[in-house]
Amino acid sequence: MTADRAHPNYVAIWVWLVILMLTGVLATLLPLEKSAVIGLIFAVAAVKAVLVALNYMHLKSENWLIYALAIVPVLLVVAMTLVLFPDIVYRH
């Protein structure tokens, strides 16, 4: 890591993570369908994961190969989520 790279504002990122965490927790109180609430919670979790990966793991300043290596597990998680979503939401 070179000295000319700017460090992210960790406090602001932490505040965003807390806000997103509260959004995910309070989403259960919304008068929405269960599948919509679960979708919202997954979306909030994805945003939090990107914030952590880019800022705390310093992936903003990495080579494109790191992104290529990271995209395969992300695609697998998305595929598994989409495949298992009906079983999670509509089980009796």
Protein backbone atom coordinates (compact mmCIF):
# COMPACT_ATOMS: atom_id res chain seq x y z
CA MET A 1 0.00 0.00 0.00
CA THR A 2 1.47 3.31 -1.01
CA ALA A 3 1.30 6.51 0.97
CA ASP A 4 -0.57 8.44 -1.74
CA ARG A 5 -3.78 6.44 -1.37
CA ALA A 6 -6.50 8.15 0.60
CA HIS A 7 -8.03 6.28 3.51
CA PRO A 8 -11.82 6.04 3.64
CA ASN A 9 -13.79 7.79 6.35
CA TYR A 10 -14.22 4.80 8.65
CA VAL A 11 -16.59 6.57 11.03
CA ALA A 12 -18.99 7.51 8.23
CA ILE A 13 -18.87 3.96 6.88
CA TRP A 14 -19.56 2.61 10.35
CA VAL A 15 -22.53 4.96 10.72
CA TRP A 16 -23.91 3.71 7.38
CA LEU A 17 -23.44 0.12 8.51
CA VAL A 18 -25.36 0.82 11.73
CA ILE A 19 -28.16 2.53 9.79
CA LEU A 20 -28.36 -0.41 7.39
CA MET A 21 -28.36 -2.87 10.28
CA LEU A 22 -31.26 -1.02 11.91
CA THR A 23 -33.06 -0.96 8.56
CA GLY A 24 -32.73 -4.73 8.29
CA VAL A 25 -33.95 -5.28 11.84
CA LEU A 26 -36.85 -2.83 11.57
CA ALA A 27 -37.90 -4.29 8.22
CA THR A 28 -39.60 -7.08 10.12
CA LEU A 29 -42.06 -4.54 11.52
CA LEU A 30 -43.19 -3.35 8.09
CA PRO A 31 -46.67 -4.42 6.95
CA LEU A 32 -45.33 -6.26 3.90
CA GLU A 33 -45.45 -9.82 2.70
CA LYS A 34 -42.87 -12.15 4.18
CA SER A 35 -41.12 -12.57 0.84
CA ALA A 36 -40.81 -8.79 0.39
CA VAL A 37 -39.32 -8.41 3.87
CA ILE A 38 -36.83 -11.20 3.23
CA GLY A 39 -35.91 -9.64 -0.10
CA LEU A 40 -35.35 -6.28 1.59
CA ILE A 41 -33.19 -7.86 4.28
CA PHE A 42 -31.10 -9.64 1.63
CA ALA A 43 -30.68 -6.39 -0.31
CA VAL A 44 -29.56 -4.52 2.81
CA ALA A 45 -27.13 -7.32 3.65
CA ALA A 46 -25.66 -7.16 0.14
CA VAL A 47 -25.10 -3.41 0.44
CA LYS A 48 -23.42 -3.90 3.82
CA ALA A 49 -21.18 -6.62 2.39
CA VAL A 50 -20.09 -4.35 -0.45
CA LEU A 51 -19.36 -1.50 1.97
CA VAL A 52 -17.23 -3.74 4.16
CA ALA A 53 -15.40 -5.34 1.24
CA LEU A 54 -14.58 -2.08 -0.51
CA ASN A 55 -13.62 -0.01 2.52
CA TYR A 56 -12.49 -2.19 5.43
CA MET A 57 -10.90 -4.87 3.24
CA HIS A 58 -9.43 -2.16 0.99
CA LEU A 59 -10.65 -3.73 -2.24
CA LYS A 60 -11.22 -0.31 -3.81
CA SER A 61 -7.56 -0.04 -4.65
CA GLU A 62 -6.96 -3.63 -5.76
CA ASN A 63 -6.32 -5.08 -9.17
CA TRP A 64 -9.21 -6.25 -11.39
CA LEU A 65 -8.16 -9.88 -10.82
CA ILE A 66 -9.31 -9.67 -7.20
CA TYR A 67 -12.78 -8.70 -8.43
CA ALA A 68 -12.76 -11.57 -10.90
CA LEU A 69 -11.88 -14.01 -8.12
CA ALA A 70 -14.53 -12.58 -5.81
CA ILE A 71 -17.37 -12.58 -8.31
CA VAL A 72 -17.61 -16.39 -8.62
CA PRO A 73 -18.58 -17.02 -4.95
CA VAL A 74 -20.97 -14.07 -5.08
CA LEU A 75 -22.69 -15.53 -8.14
CA LEU A 76 -22.93 -18.90 -6.40
CA VAL A 77 -24.52 -17.32 -3.33
CA VAL A 78 -27.01 -15.41 -5.47
CA ALA A 79 -27.88 -18.58 -7.39
CA MET A 80 -28.36 -20.60 -4.20
CA THR A 81 -30.49 -17.84 -2.71
CA LEU A 82 -32.72 -17.71 -5.75
CA VAL A 83 -33.04 -21.49 -5.84
CA LEU A 84 -33.84 -21.81 -2.12
CA PHE A 85 -36.01 -18.69 -1.85
CA PRO A 86 -39.33 -20.47 -2.54
CA ASP A 87 -38.54 -23.16 0.04
CA ILE A 88 -37.68 -20.58 2.69
CA VAL A 89 -40.66 -18.32 2.08
CA TYR A 90 -43.44 -20.77 1.30
CA ARG A 91 -42.75 -23.65 3.69
CA HIS A 92 -45.61 -24.77 5.90
